[in-house]
Amino acid sequence: MKEIVLDTETTGLEVRDGHRIVEIGCIELDNYIPTSKKFHCYLNPERKVSERAFKVHGYSDEFLAHQKKFKDIVDDFLNFIKDKKLIIHNASFDLAHLNNELSLIGKEKIDKNIVIDTLHIAREKYPGAQINLDALCKRYKIDNSKRTKHTAIIDCELLTKIYINLVDQKEPLLNFQSYDNTEITNEKDNTILYSKKIIKPTEEELKLHKLFLKSNLKKNFF
């Protein structure tokens, strides 16, 4: 099961005010585990960044003026997310801006039915509690010290860890292979994200288990 954790940064809040996307970040997950595949780009929004948005992400008009436009990266972006679920925090915001960009160049909009909104999951799981990214990082003891500004790719990295916790998939799915130890390592900094020793039953324990099952079958069926 492959999914894409996605985030955007924009020139401002509202599409209706003409605001555009300035950054897209995507991380691919395979059975809740990040793969090596990422999509990340800065974009020239062809308009000025609002003062409020600049305080949030810090991308200046001068920096963005030298970046590609959305139409230049759209095919690569759509190919990256094709046939995958999108994991987004506060999806209505990002989806509105992405679909606005797509409609401006005559492309088909992204169907909201392929989107999983982690904001909704968090709201149902923790009613009445703060459920922004920083609050969820604190709840799950996720290090967010790199988040000095809101950047799409860093927010994707944090949301990946939050999502895995929200859906109770902190451990990888079983693959039924025989390992004495199982480890998953962060490819970026070589730190171990998960480690678990697998203890195998002894011959005696297996025999006792078979006897237990046999005796219970007799009780239930005879």
N, C-alpha and C. Protein backbone atom coordinates (compact mmCIF):
# COMPACT_ATOMS: atom_id res chain seq x y z
N MET A 1 0.85 -1.19 0.00
CA MET A 1 0.00 0.00 0.00
C MET A 1 0.89 1.24 0.00
N LYS A 2 0.90 1.96 -1.11
CA LYS A 2 1.73 3.16 -1.20
C LYS A 2 0.88 4.41 -1.03
N GLU A 3 1.41 5.35 -0.25
CA GLU A 3 0.74 6.61 0.03
C GLU A 3 1.75 7.74 -0.12
N ILE A 4 1.23 8.96 -0.24
CA ILE A 4 2.08 10.14 -0.35
C ILE A 4 1.71 11.13 0.75
N VAL A 5 2.69 11.43 1.60
CA VAL A 5 2.51 12.51 2.57
C VAL A 5 2.85 13.81 1.86
N LEU A 6 1.93 14.78 1.92
CA LEU A 6 2.06 15.98 1.09
C LEU A 6 1.84 17.25 1.91
N ASP A 7 2.60 18.28 1.56
CA ASP A 7 2.40 19.60 2.19
C ASP A 7 2.76 20.69 1.19
N THR A 8 2.15 21.85 1.36
CA THR A 8 2.48 22.99 0.51
C THR A 8 2.70 24.23 1.36
N GLU A 9 3.41 25.19 0.79
CA GLU A 9 3.49 26.55 1.34
C GLU A 9 3.01 27.50 0.25
N THR A 10 2.41 28.61 0.67
CA THR A 10 1.76 29.50 -0.29
C THR A 10 2.11 30.96 -0.03
N THR A 11 1.63 31.82 -0.92
CA THR A 11 1.86 33.26 -0.75
C THR A 11 0.88 33.88 0.25
N GLY A 12 -0.15 33.13 0.59
CA GLY A 12 -1.17 33.61 1.53
C GLY A 12 -2.25 32.58 1.72
N LEU A 13 -3.27 32.91 2.48
CA LEU A 13 -4.26 31.92 2.88
C LEU A 13 -5.28 31.57 1.82
N GLU A 14 -5.87 32.57 1.18
CA GLU A 14 -7.06 32.34 0.37
C GLU A 14 -6.78 32.30 -1.13
N VAL A 15 -7.28 31.25 -1.78
CA VAL A 15 -7.21 31.16 -3.24
C VAL A 15 -8.00 32.29 -3.88
N ARG A 16 -9.12 32.63 -3.26
CA ARG A 16 -9.99 33.67 -3.85
C ARG A 16 -9.32 35.04 -3.88
N ASP A 17 -8.26 35.20 -3.07
CA ASP A 17 -7.50 36.46 -3.08
C ASP A 17 -6.31 36.39 -4.04
N GLY A 18 -6.26 35.32 -4.83
CA GLY A 18 -5.21 35.19 -5.83
C GLY A 18 -3.91 34.60 -5.33
N HIS A 19 -3.93 33.99 -4.15
CA HIS A 19 -2.69 33.44 -3.60
C HIS A 19 -2.31 32.14 -4.31
N ARG A 20 -0.99 31.89 -4.37
CA ARG A 20 -0.45 30.78 -5.15
C ARG A 20 0.51 29.94 -4.30
N ILE A 21 0.88 28.79 -4.84
CA ILE A 21 1.79 27.88 -4.14
C ILE A 21 3.25 28.29 -4.39
N VAL A 22 4.07 28.24 -3.34
CA VAL A 22 5.49 28.55 -3.48
C VAL A 22 6.38 27.33 -3.19
N GLU A 23 5.81 26.29 -2.60
CA GLU A 23 6.61 25.09 -2.31
C GLU A 23 5.69 23.87 -2.22
N ILE A 24 6.15 22.75 -2.76
CA ILE A 24 5.45 21.47 -2.62
C ILE A 24 6.45 20.45 -2.08
N GLY A 25 6.03 19.69 -1.08
CA GLY A 25 6.85 18.62 -0.55
C GLY A 25 6.06 17.33 -0.51
N CYS A 26 6.66 16.22 -0.91
CA CYS A 26 5.99 14.91 -0.89
C CYS A 26 6.98 13.84 -0.44
N ILE A 27 6.50 12.91 0.39
CA ILE A 27 7.28 11.75 0.79
C ILE A 27 6.44 10.51 0.56
N GLU A 28 7.01 9.52 -0.11
CA GLU A 28 6.29 8.28 -0.38
C GLU A 28 6.40 7.31 0.81
N LEU A 29 5.27 6.68 1.15
CA LEU A 29 5.24 5.63 2.16
C LEU A 29 4.84 4.32 1.50
N ASP A 30 5.44 3.24 1.96
CA ASP A 30 5.07 1.91 1.51
C ASP A 30 4.76 1.09 2.76
N ASN A 31 3.48 0.76 2.98
CA ASN A 31 3.04 0.11 4.21
C ASN A 31 3.49 0.89 5.44
N TYR A 32 3.29 2.20 5.40
CA TYR A 32 3.56 3.13 6.51
C TYR A 32 5.05 3.40 6.73
N ILE A 33 5.92 2.86 5.90
CA ILE A 33 7.35 3.08 6.05
C ILE A 33 7.84 3.98 4.92
N PRO A 34 8.55 5.09 5.24
CA PRO A 34 9.06 5.98 4.18
C PRO A 34 10.01 5.24 3.24
N THR A 35 9.81 5.45 1.95
CA THR A 35 10.75 4.92 0.96
C THR A 35 11.80 6.01 0.70
N SER A 36 12.67 5.76 -0.25
CA SER A 36 13.69 6.76 -0.59
C SER A 36 13.15 7.81 -1.56
N LYS A 37 11.89 7.66 -1.99
CA LYS A 37 11.34 8.55 -3.02
C LYS A 37 10.69 9.80 -2.39
N LYS A 38 11.15 10.95 -2.86
CA LYS A 38 10.60 12.23 -2.42
C LYS A 38 10.39 13.14 -3.64
N PHE A 39 9.45 14.05 -3.51
CA PHE A 39 9.26 15.09 -4.53
C PHE A 39 9.29 16.42 -3.79
N HIS A 40 10.15 17.33 -4.24
CA HIS A 40 10.24 18.63 -3.56
C HIS A 40 10.63 19.70 -4.56
N CYS A 41 9.92 20.82 -4.52
CA CYS A 41 10.27 21.94 -5.39
C CYS A 41 9.78 23.26 -4.80
N TYR A 42 10.54 24.31 -5.11
CA TYR A 42 10.09 25.68 -4.85
C TYR A 42 9.49 26.21 -6.15
N LEU A 43 8.54 27.13 -6.03
CA LEU A 43 7.85 27.61 -7.22
C LEU A 43 7.80 29.14 -7.28
N ASN A 44 7.86 29.63 -8.49
CA ASN A 44 7.65 31.05 -8.73
C ASN A 44 6.14 31.29 -8.80
N PRO A 45 5.55 31.99 -7.82
CA PRO A 45 4.09 32.16 -7.80
C PRO A 45 3.58 33.26 -8.73
N GLU A 46 4.51 33.97 -9.34
CA GLU A 46 4.14 35.07 -10.26
C GLU A 46 3.32 36.15 -9.57
N ARG A 47 3.56 36.33 -8.30
CA ARG A 47 2.94 37.41 -7.51
C ARG A 47 3.75 37.57 -6.23
N LYS A 48 3.46 38.58 -5.47
CA LYS A 48 4.20 38.84 -4.24
C LYS A 48 3.71 37.94 -3.10
N VAL A 49 4.63 37.63 -2.21
CA VAL A 49 4.30 36.88 -1.00
C VAL A 49 3.74 37.86 0.04
N SER A 50 2.65 37.49 0.68
CA SER A 50 2.08 38.37 1.70
C SER A 50 3.04 38.43 2.90
N GLU A 51 2.95 39.52 3.64
CA GLU A 51 3.81 39.70 4.82
C GLU A 51 3.59 38.58 5.84
N ARG A 52 2.33 38.20 6.00
CA ARG A 52 1.99 37.14 6.97
C ARG A 52 2.61 35.80 6.56
N ALA A 53 2.53 35.46 5.25
CA ALA A 53 3.09 34.20 4.76
C ALA A 53 4.61 34.20 4.87
N PHE A 54 5.23 35.35 4.61
CA PHE A 54 6.69 35.44 4.70
C PHE A 54 7.17 35.15 6.12
N LYS A 55 6.41 35.61 7.11
CA LYS A 55 6.76 35.34 8.51
C LYS A 55 6.66 33.85 8.83
N VAL A 56 5.76 33.15 8.12
CA VAL A 56 5.55 31.72 8.37
C VAL A 56 6.67 30.88 7.74
N HIS A 57 6.95 31.10 6.43
CA HIS A 57 7.93 30.23 5.75
C HIS A 57 9.24 30.91 5.39
N GLY A 58 9.26 32.22 5.30
CA GLY A 58 10.52 32.93 5.06
C GLY A 58 11.01 32.96 3.63
N TYR A 59 10.16 32.61 2.66
CA TYR A 59 10.57 32.62 1.25
C TYR A 59 10.30 34.00 0.66
N SER A 60 11.37 34.67 0.26
CA SER A 60 11.24 36.04 -0.25
C SER A 60 10.84 36.06 -1.72
N ASP A 61 10.35 37.20 -2.16
CA ASP A 61 9.99 37.37 -3.57
C ASP A 61 11.22 37.18 -4.46
N GLU A 62 12.38 37.67 -3.99
CA GLU A 62 13.62 37.57 -4.76
C GLU A 62 14.01 36.10 -4.95
N PHE A 63 13.93 35.30 -3.89
CA PHE A 63 14.28 33.89 -3.97
C PHE A 63 13.33 33.14 -4.91
N LEU A 64 12.04 33.40 -4.78
CA LEU A 64 11.04 32.67 -5.56
C LEU A 64 11.03 33.06 -7.03
N ALA A 65 11.47 34.26 -7.34
CA ALA A 65 11.47 34.74 -8.73
C ALA A 65 12.37 33.89 -9.63
N HIS A 66 13.35 33.18 -9.03
CA HIS A 66 14.29 32.38 -9.81
C HIS A 66 13.89 30.90 -9.89
N GLN A 67 12.73 30.57 -9.34
CA GLN A 67 12.29 29.17 -9.33
C GLN A 67 11.40 28.86 -10.54
N LYS A 68 11.17 27.57 -10.76
CA LYS A 68 10.28 27.15 -11.85
C LYS A 68 8.83 27.51 -11.53
N LYS A 69 8.03 27.59 -12.58
CA LYS A 69 6.59 27.81 -12.40
C LYS A 69 5.88 26.47 -12.28
N PHE A 70 4.67 26.50 -11.74
CA PHE A 70 3.92 25.26 -11.52
C PHE A 70 3.75 24.47 -12.82
N LYS A 71 3.51 25.15 -13.91
CA LYS A 71 3.30 24.46 -15.19
C LYS A 71 4.54 23.68 -15.63
N ASP A 72 5.71 24.10 -15.13
CA ASP A 72 6.96 23.44 -15.51
C ASP A 72 7.18 22.12 -14.78
N ILE A 73 6.54 21.96 -13.61
CA ILE A 73 6.77 20.75 -12.80
C ILE A 73 5.52 19.89 -12.67
N VAL A 74 4.42 20.33 -13.23
CA VAL A 74 3.13 19.68 -12.99
C VAL A 74 3.12 18.21 -13.41
N ASP A 75 3.72 17.89 -14.55
CA ASP A 75 3.69 16.50 -15.02
C ASP A 75 4.49 15.58 -14.09
N ASP A 76 5.64 16.04 -13.63
CA ASP A 76 6.44 15.26 -12.69
C ASP A 76 5.69 15.07 -11.37
N PHE A 77 5.03 16.12 -10.92
CA PHE A 77 4.26 16.06 -9.69
C PHE A 77 3.11 15.07 -9.80
N LEU A 78 2.35 15.16 -10.88
CA LEU A 78 1.19 14.27 -11.06
C LEU A 78 1.62 12.82 -11.23
N ASN A 79 2.73 12.60 -11.88
CA ASN A 79 3.25 11.23 -12.01
C ASN A 79 3.68 10.67 -10.66
N PHE A 80 4.21 11.52 -9.81
CA PHE A 80 4.68 11.08 -8.49
C PHE A 80 3.51 10.65 -7.60
N ILE A 81 2.40 11.36 -7.68
CA ILE A 81 1.27 11.05 -6.80
C ILE A 81 0.26 10.10 -7.44
N LYS A 82 0.47 9.74 -8.69
CA LYS A 82 -0.51 8.93 -9.43
C LYS A 82 -0.83 7.62 -8.73
N ASP A 83 -2.13 7.33 -8.63
CA ASP A 83 -2.66 6.07 -8.08
C ASP A 83 -2.28 5.84 -6.61
N LYS A 84 -2.04 6.91 -5.87
CA LYS A 84 -1.69 6.78 -4.46
C LYS A 84 -2.61 7.66 -3.61
N LYS A 85 -2.86 7.23 -2.39
CA LYS A 85 -3.58 8.06 -1.44
C LYS A 85 -2.69 9.21 -1.01
N LEU A 86 -3.30 10.37 -0.76
CA LEU A 86 -2.56 11.54 -0.29
C LEU A 86 -2.84 11.76 1.20
N ILE A 87 -1.80 11.88 1.99
CA ILE A 87 -1.91 12.13 3.42
C ILE A 87 -1.58 13.60 3.66
N ILE A 88 -2.57 14.38 4.10
CA ILE A 88 -2.38 15.83 4.25
C ILE A 88 -2.97 16.27 5.58
N HIS A 89 -2.30 17.20 6.26
CA HIS A 89 -2.83 17.77 7.50
C HIS A 89 -3.56 19.07 7.14
N ASN A 90 -4.84 19.13 7.46
CA ASN A 90 -5.72 20.23 7.04
C ASN A 90 -5.80 20.25 5.51
N ALA A 91 -6.29 19.15 4.97
CA ALA A 91 -6.27 18.90 3.53
C ALA A 91 -7.06 19.94 2.72
N SER A 92 -8.09 20.51 3.30
CA SER A 92 -8.91 21.47 2.54
C SER A 92 -8.07 22.65 2.05
N PHE A 93 -7.09 23.07 2.85
CA PHE A 93 -6.22 24.19 2.47
C PHE A 93 -5.33 23.81 1.29
N ASP A 94 -4.56 22.73 1.45
CA ASP A 94 -3.62 22.33 0.40
C ASP A 94 -4.33 21.93 -0.88
N LEU A 95 -5.45 21.22 -0.73
CA LEU A 95 -6.18 20.76 -1.90
C LEU A 95 -6.76 21.93 -2.69
N ALA A 96 -7.25 22.95 -1.99
CA ALA A 96 -7.79 24.13 -2.65
C ALA A 96 -6.72 24.82 -3.49
N HIS A 97 -5.51 24.93 -2.93
CA HIS A 97 -4.43 25.60 -3.66
C HIS A 97 -3.91 24.74 -4.81
N LEU A 98 -3.78 23.44 -4.59
CA LEU A 98 -3.33 22.56 -5.67
C LEU A 98 -4.32 22.54 -6.83
N ASN A 99 -5.59 22.44 -6.50
CA ASN A 99 -6.61 22.40 -7.55
C ASN A 99 -6.73 23.74 -8.27
N ASN A 100 -6.45 24.81 -7.57
CA ASN A 100 -6.43 26.12 -8.23
C ASN A 100 -5.30 26.18 -9.26
N GLU A 101 -4.12 25.70 -8.85
CA GLU A 101 -2.98 25.69 -9.78
C GLU A 101 -3.27 24.82 -11.00
N LEU A 102 -3.89 23.67 -10.76
CA LEU A 102 -4.22 22.75 -11.86
C LEU A 102 -5.25 23.36 -12.81
N SER A 103 -6.24 24.02 -12.23
CA SER A 103 -7.29 24.62 -13.08
C SER A 103 -6.75 25.79 -13.90
N LEU A 104 -5.77 26.50 -13.36
CA LEU A 104 -5.19 27.63 -14.08
C LEU A 104 -4.49 27.21 -15.37
N ILE A 105 -4.02 25.95 -15.42
CA ILE A 105 -3.34 25.48 -16.62
C ILE A 105 -4.16 24.40 -17.34
N GLY A 106 -5.44 24.29 -16.98
CA GLY A 106 -6.35 23.39 -17.69
C GLY A 106 -6.17 21.92 -17.38
N LYS A 107 -5.62 21.60 -16.21
CA LYS A 107 -5.44 20.20 -15.80
C LYS A 107 -6.60 19.75 -14.91
N GLU A 108 -6.83 18.45 -14.90
CA GLU A 108 -7.89 17.88 -14.07
C GLU A 108 -7.56 18.02 -12.59
N LYS A 109 -8.56 18.36 -11.81
CA LYS A 109 -8.36 18.56 -10.38
C LYS A 109 -8.15 17.24 -9.64
N ILE A 110 -7.52 17.32 -8.48
CA ILE A 110 -7.31 16.15 -7.63
C ILE A 110 -8.62 15.82 -6.90
N ASP A 111 -9.02 14.58 -6.96
CA ASP A 111 -10.26 14.12 -6.32
C ASP A 111 -10.06 14.07 -4.80
N LYS A 112 -10.93 14.71 -4.06
CA LYS A 112 -10.81 14.73 -2.60
C LYS A 112 -10.97 13.34 -1.99
N ASN A 113 -11.54 12.40 -2.75
CA ASN A 113 -11.75 11.05 -2.24
C ASN A 113 -10.46 10.24 -2.12
N ILE A 114 -9.38 10.72 -2.71
CA ILE A 114 -8.10 10.02 -2.56
C ILE A 114 -7.27 10.61 -1.42
N VAL A 115 -7.86 11.53 -0.68
CA VAL A 115 -7.13 12.25 0.37
C VAL A 115 -7.53 11.76 1.76
N ILE A 116 -6.53 11.53 2.60
CA ILE A 116 -6.74 11.24 4.02
C ILE A 116 -6.27 12.47 4.80
N ASP A 117 -7.19 13.09 5.54
CA ASP A 117 -6.86 14.30 6.28
C ASP A 117 -6.51 13.92 7.73
N THR A 118 -5.23 14.07 8.08
CA THR A 118 -4.80 13.72 9.44
C THR A 118 -5.36 14.66 10.49
N LEU A 119 -5.79 15.85 10.07
CA LEU A 119 -6.45 16.77 11.00
C LEU A 119 -7.76 16.15 11.50
N HIS A 120 -8.52 15.54 10.60
CA HIS A 120 -9.78 14.89 10.98
C HIS A 120 -9.53 13.69 11.88
N ILE A 121 -8.49 12.91 11.56
CA ILE A 121 -8.17 11.75 12.39
C ILE A 121 -7.81 12.20 13.80
N ALA A 122 -6.97 13.23 13.90
CA ALA A 122 -6.54 13.75 15.20
C ALA A 122 -7.72 14.33 15.98
N ARG A 123 -8.63 15.00 15.27
CA ARG A 123 -9.80 15.60 15.94
C ARG A 123 -10.69 14.53 16.55
N GLU A 124 -10.86 13.43 15.85
CA GLU A 124 -11.68 12.33 16.37
C GLU A 124 -10.98 11.60 17.51
N LYS A 125 -9.67 11.49 17.41
CA LYS A 125 -8.90 10.74 18.41
C LYS A 125 -8.68 11.55 19.69
N TYR A 126 -8.53 12.87 19.55
CA TYR A 126 -8.27 13.72 20.71
C TYR A 126 -9.21 14.92 20.71
N PRO A 127 -10.51 14.70 20.92
CA PRO A 127 -11.48 15.80 20.89
C PRO A 127 -11.16 16.86 21.94
N GLY A 128 -11.17 18.10 21.50
CA GLY A 128 -10.93 19.21 22.42
C GLY A 128 -9.47 19.56 22.63
N ALA A 129 -8.55 18.72 22.16
CA ALA A 129 -7.12 18.97 22.34
C ALA A 129 -6.56 19.73 21.15
N GLN A 130 -5.40 20.35 21.33
CA GLN A 130 -4.72 21.01 20.21
C GLN A 130 -4.22 19.94 19.24
N ILE A 131 -4.43 20.17 17.96
CA ILE A 131 -4.08 19.13 16.98
C ILE A 131 -3.29 19.69 15.79
N ASN A 132 -2.58 20.81 16.02
CA ASN A 132 -1.67 21.26 14.96
C ASN A 132 -0.41 20.40 14.99
N LEU A 133 0.47 20.57 14.02
CA LEU A 133 1.64 19.71 13.92
C LEU A 133 2.53 19.78 15.16
N ASP A 134 2.76 20.97 15.66
CA ASP A 134 3.62 21.11 16.84
C ASP A 134 3.02 20.40 18.05
N ALA A 135 1.72 20.54 18.24
CA ALA A 135 1.05 19.90 19.39
C ALA A 135 1.11 18.38 19.26
N LEU A 136 0.93 17.87 18.05
CA LEU A 136 0.98 16.42 17.85
C LEU A 136 2.40 15.88 17.99
N CYS A 137 3.38 16.67 17.56
CA CYS A 137 4.78 16.27 17.78
C CYS A 137 5.07 16.15 19.27
N LYS A 138 4.57 17.11 20.03
CA LYS A 138 4.77 17.08 21.49
C LYS A 138 4.08 15.87 22.10
N ARG A 139 2.88 15.57 21.66
CA ARG A 139 2.13 14.43 22.19
C ARG A 139 2.86 13.11 21.94
N TYR A 140 3.43 12.97 20.73
CA TYR A 140 4.09 11.72 20.36
C TYR A 140 5.61 11.74 20.57
N LYS A 141 6.09 12.82 21.22
CA LYS A 141 7.52 12.94 21.52
C LYS A 141 8.38 12.87 20.25
N ILE A 142 7.93 13.57 19.23
CA ILE A 142 8.65 13.66 17.95
C ILE A 142 9.47 14.95 17.95
N ASP A 143 10.74 14.83 17.64
CA ASP A 143 11.64 15.99 17.63
C ASP A 143 11.30 16.92 16.47
N ASN A 144 10.84 18.12 16.79
CA ASN A 144 10.50 19.09 15.74
C ASN A 144 11.39 20.33 15.83
N SER A 145 12.60 20.15 16.37
CA SER A 145 13.50 21.29 16.58
C SER A 145 13.94 21.92 15.26
N LYS A 146 13.90 21.16 14.15
CA LYS A 146 14.28 21.71 12.84
C LYS A 146 13.19 22.64 12.28
N ARG A 147 12.02 22.62 12.90
CA ARG A 147 10.90 23.39 12.36
C ARG A 147 10.92 24.83 12.89
N THR A 148 11.99 25.55 12.55
CA THR A 148 12.06 26.95 12.94
C THR A 148 11.14 27.80 12.05
N LYS A 149 10.93 27.35 10.83
CA LYS A 149 9.96 27.93 9.89
C LYS A 149 9.09 26.80 9.35
N HIS A 150 7.93 27.16 8.79
CA HIS A 150 7.07 26.15 8.16
C HIS A 150 7.58 25.92 6.75
N THR A 151 8.22 24.78 6.52
CA THR A 151 8.66 24.43 5.17
C THR A 151 7.99 23.11 4.80
N ALA A 152 7.64 22.97 3.54
CA ALA A 152 6.83 21.83 3.10
C ALA A 152 7.51 20.50 3.34
N ILE A 153 8.81 20.41 3.05
CA ILE A 153 9.47 19.10 3.15
C ILE A 153 9.71 18.71 4.61
N ILE A 154 10.05 19.67 5.47
CA ILE A 154 10.22 19.36 6.89
C ILE A 154 8.88 18.99 7.51
N ASP A 155 7.83 19.71 7.14
CA ASP A 155 6.50 19.39 7.66
C ASP A 155 6.05 18.00 7.19
N CYS A 156 6.45 17.60 5.99
CA CYS A 156 6.15 16.24 5.51
C CYS A 156 6.85 15.19 6.36
N GLU A 157 8.10 15.45 6.69
CA GLU A 157 8.86 14.50 7.51
C GLU A 157 8.19 14.33 8.88
N LEU A 158 7.75 15.43 9.47
CA LEU A 158 7.08 15.36 10.77
C LEU A 158 5.71 14.69 10.64
N LEU A 159 4.97 15.04 9.59
CA LEU A 159 3.64 14.47 9.41
C LEU A 159 3.72 12.96 9.17
N THR A 160 4.78 12.51 8.51
CA THR A 160 4.97 11.07 8.31
C THR A 160 4.97 10.34 9.64
N LYS A 161 5.74 10.85 10.60
CA LYS A 161 5.83 10.23 11.93
C LYS A 161 4.51 10.37 12.70
N ILE A 162 3.86 11.52 12.56
CA ILE A 162 2.57 11.74 13.23
C ILE A 162 1.52 10.79 12.69
N TYR A 163 1.46 10.66 11.37
CA TYR A 163 0.47 9.80 10.73
C TYR A 163 0.60 8.35 11.21
N ILE A 164 1.84 7.85 11.25
CA ILE A 164 2.08 6.47 11.70
C ILE A 164 1.58 6.28 13.13
N ASN A 165 1.76 7.28 13.98
CA ASN A 165 1.26 7.21 15.35
C ASN A 165 -0.26 7.32 15.40
N LEU A 166 -0.83 8.19 14.58
CA LEU A 166 -2.28 8.39 14.59
C LEU A 166 -3.04 7.13 14.21
N VAL A 167 -2.48 6.38 13.28
CA VAL A 167 -3.17 5.16 12.83
C VAL A 167 -2.64 3.91 13.54
N ASP A 168 -1.88 4.14 14.62
CA ASP A 168 -1.40 3.04 15.46
C ASP A 168 -0.56 2.03 14.69
N GLN A 169 0.30 2.54 13.82
CA GLN A 169 1.21 1.67 13.07
C GLN A 169 2.65 2.02 13.42
N LYS A 170 2.94 2.12 14.70
CA LYS A 170 4.28 2.48 15.14
C LYS A 170 5.28 1.39 14.83
N GLU A 171 4.79 0.14 14.68
CA GLU A 171 5.65 -0.96 14.29
C GLU A 171 5.36 -1.33 12.84
N PRO A 172 6.37 -1.74 12.06
CA PRO A 172 6.13 -2.12 10.65
C PRO A 172 5.25 -3.35 10.56
N LEU A 173 4.59 -3.51 9.43
CA LEU A 173 3.74 -4.66 9.22
C LEU A 173 4.56 -5.94 9.18
N LEU A 174 4.00 -7.03 9.68
CA LEU A 174 4.72 -8.31 9.70
C LEU A 174 4.96 -8.81 8.29
N ASN A 175 6.15 -9.32 8.04
CA ASN A 175 6.42 -9.91 6.74
C ASN A 175 6.72 -11.40 6.85
N PHE A 176 6.63 -11.97 8.08
CA PHE A 176 6.75 -13.40 8.34
C PHE A 176 8.08 -14.00 7.88
N GLN A 177 9.11 -13.17 7.83
CA GLN A 177 10.45 -13.69 7.56
C GLN A 177 11.14 -13.94 8.88
N SER A 178 12.13 -14.85 8.91
CA SER A 178 12.80 -15.23 10.14
C SER A 178 14.03 -14.36 10.36
N TYR A 179 13.91 -13.43 11.30
CA TYR A 179 15.04 -12.60 11.69
C TYR A 179 15.20 -12.69 13.21
N ASP A 180 16.46 -12.71 13.66
CA ASP A 180 16.70 -12.65 15.09
C ASP A 180 16.49 -11.23 15.60
N ASN A 181 16.82 -10.26 14.77
CA ASN A 181 16.61 -8.86 15.13
C ASN A 181 16.05 -8.13 13.93
N THR A 182 15.15 -7.19 14.16
CA THR A 182 14.58 -6.38 13.10
C THR A 182 14.91 -4.92 13.37
N GLU A 183 15.49 -4.25 12.37
CA GLU A 183 15.80 -2.83 12.52
C GLU A 183 15.39 -2.08 11.28
N ILE A 184 14.91 -0.85 11.47
CA ILE A 184 14.64 0.04 10.35
C ILE A 184 15.45 1.31 10.60
N THR A 185 16.24 1.71 9.61
CA THR A 185 17.16 2.82 9.80
C THR A 185 16.78 4.00 8.92
N ASN A 186 16.89 5.19 9.48
CA ASN A 186 16.67 6.42 8.72
C ASN A 186 17.81 6.57 7.73
N GLU A 187 17.51 6.56 6.42
CA GLU A 187 18.54 6.62 5.39
C GLU A 187 19.32 7.95 5.44
N LYS A 188 18.66 8.99 5.96
CA LYS A 188 19.27 10.33 5.92
C LYS A 188 20.42 10.47 6.92
N ASP A 189 20.19 10.08 8.17
CA ASP A 189 21.22 10.27 9.18
C ASP A 189 21.66 8.98 9.86
N ASN A 190 21.18 7.82 9.32
CA ASN A 190 21.60 6.51 9.80
C ASN A 190 21.20 6.21 11.24
N THR A 191 20.21 6.93 11.76
CA THR A 191 19.72 6.64 13.11
C THR A 191 18.67 5.54 13.04
N ILE A 192 18.60 4.71 14.07
CA ILE A 192 17.65 3.61 14.10
C ILE A 192 16.29 4.13 14.54
N LEU A 193 15.29 3.94 13.69
CA LEU A 193 13.93 4.39 14.00
C LEU A 193 13.16 3.30 14.74
N TYR A 194 13.54 2.05 14.51
CA TYR A 194 12.78 0.94 15.09
C TYR A 194 13.71 -0.24 15.28
N SER A 195 13.63 -0.88 16.43
CA SER A 195 14.46 -2.05 16.69
C SER A 195 13.71 -2.99 17.62
N LYS A 196 13.66 -4.27 17.25
CA LYS A 196 12.93 -5.23 18.06
C LYS A 196 13.55 -6.61 17.92
N LYS A 197 13.83 -7.26 19.05
CA LYS A 197 14.35 -8.62 19.03
C LYS A 197 13.18 -9.59 18.96
N ILE A 198 13.27 -10.55 18.05
CA ILE A 198 12.22 -11.55 17.89
C ILE A 198 12.64 -12.81 18.64
N ILE A 199 11.82 -13.24 19.59
CA ILE A 199 12.11 -14.44 20.38
C ILE A 199 11.32 -15.61 19.81
N LYS A 200 12.02 -16.67 19.41
CA LYS A 200 11.37 -17.84 18.81
C LYS A 200 11.03 -18.86 19.90
N PRO A 201 9.90 -19.57 19.76
CA PRO A 201 9.53 -20.58 20.75
C PRO A 201 10.47 -21.78 20.68
N THR A 202 10.67 -22.42 21.84
CA THR A 202 11.50 -23.63 21.88
C THR A 202 10.68 -24.82 21.39
N GLU A 203 11.35 -25.94 21.15
CA GLU A 203 10.67 -27.18 20.74
C GLU A 203 9.65 -27.61 21.80
N GLU A 204 10.06 -27.51 23.06
CA GLU A 204 9.16 -27.89 24.15
C GLU A 204 7.92 -27.02 24.19
N GLU A 205 8.08 -25.72 23.99
CA GLU A 205 6.95 -24.79 23.99
C GLU A 205 6.00 -25.09 22.83
N LEU A 206 6.55 -25.44 21.68
CA LEU A 206 5.72 -25.79 20.53
C LEU A 206 4.90 -27.06 20.80
N LYS A 207 5.52 -28.06 21.45
CA LYS A 207 4.81 -29.29 21.79
C LYS A 207 3.68 -29.02 22.76
N LEU A 208 3.95 -28.21 23.79
CA LEU A 208 2.92 -27.86 24.78
C LEU A 208 1.77 -27.09 24.14
N HIS A 209 2.11 -26.23 23.18
CA HIS A 209 1.08 -25.46 22.48
C HIS A 209 0.16 -26.37 21.68
N LYS A 210 0.76 -27.37 21.00
CA LYS A 210 -0.03 -28.33 20.23
C LYS A 210 -0.96 -29.15 21.13
N LEU A 211 -0.44 -29.55 22.29
CA LEU A 211 -1.27 -30.30 23.25
C LEU A 211 -2.42 -29.46 23.76
N PHE A 212 -2.13 -28.17 24.00
CA PHE A 212 -3.17 -27.26 24.47
C PHE A 212 -4.28 -27.11 23.43
N LEU A 213 -3.89 -26.93 22.18
CA LEU A 213 -4.88 -26.79 21.10
C LEU A 213 -5.70 -28.06 20.95
N LYS A 214 -5.03 -29.21 21.04
CA LYS A 214 -5.72 -30.50 20.88
C LYS A 214 -6.76 -30.72 21.96
N SER A 215 -6.39 -30.42 23.21
CA SER A 215 -7.32 -30.60 24.33
C SER A 215 -8.51 -29.67 24.24
N ASN A 216 -8.28 -28.43 23.76
CA ASN A 216 -9.37 -27.47 23.63
C ASN A 216 -10.31 -27.84 22.49
N LEU A 217 -9.77 -28.42 21.43
CA LEU A 217 -10.61 -28.86 20.33
C LEU A 217 -11.55 -30.00 20.78
N LYS A 218 -11.03 -30.89 21.60
CA LYS A 218 -11.86 -31.99 22.13
C LYS A 218 -12.99 -31.46 22.99
N LYS A 219 -12.67 -30.48 23.82
CA LYS A 219 -13.69 -29.91 24.71
C LYS A 219 -14.80 -29.24 23.91
N ASN A 220 -14.41 -28.54 22.84
CA ASN A 220 -15.39 -27.75 22.08
C ASN A 220 -16.21 -28.54 21.10
N PHE A 221 -15.65 -29.67 20.63
CA PHE A 221 -16.36 -30.36 19.55
C PHE A 221 -16.80 -31.79 19.90
N PHE A 222 -16.37 -32.31 21.05
CA PHE A 222 -16.72 -33.69 21.38
C PHE A 222 -17.35 -33.77 22.77
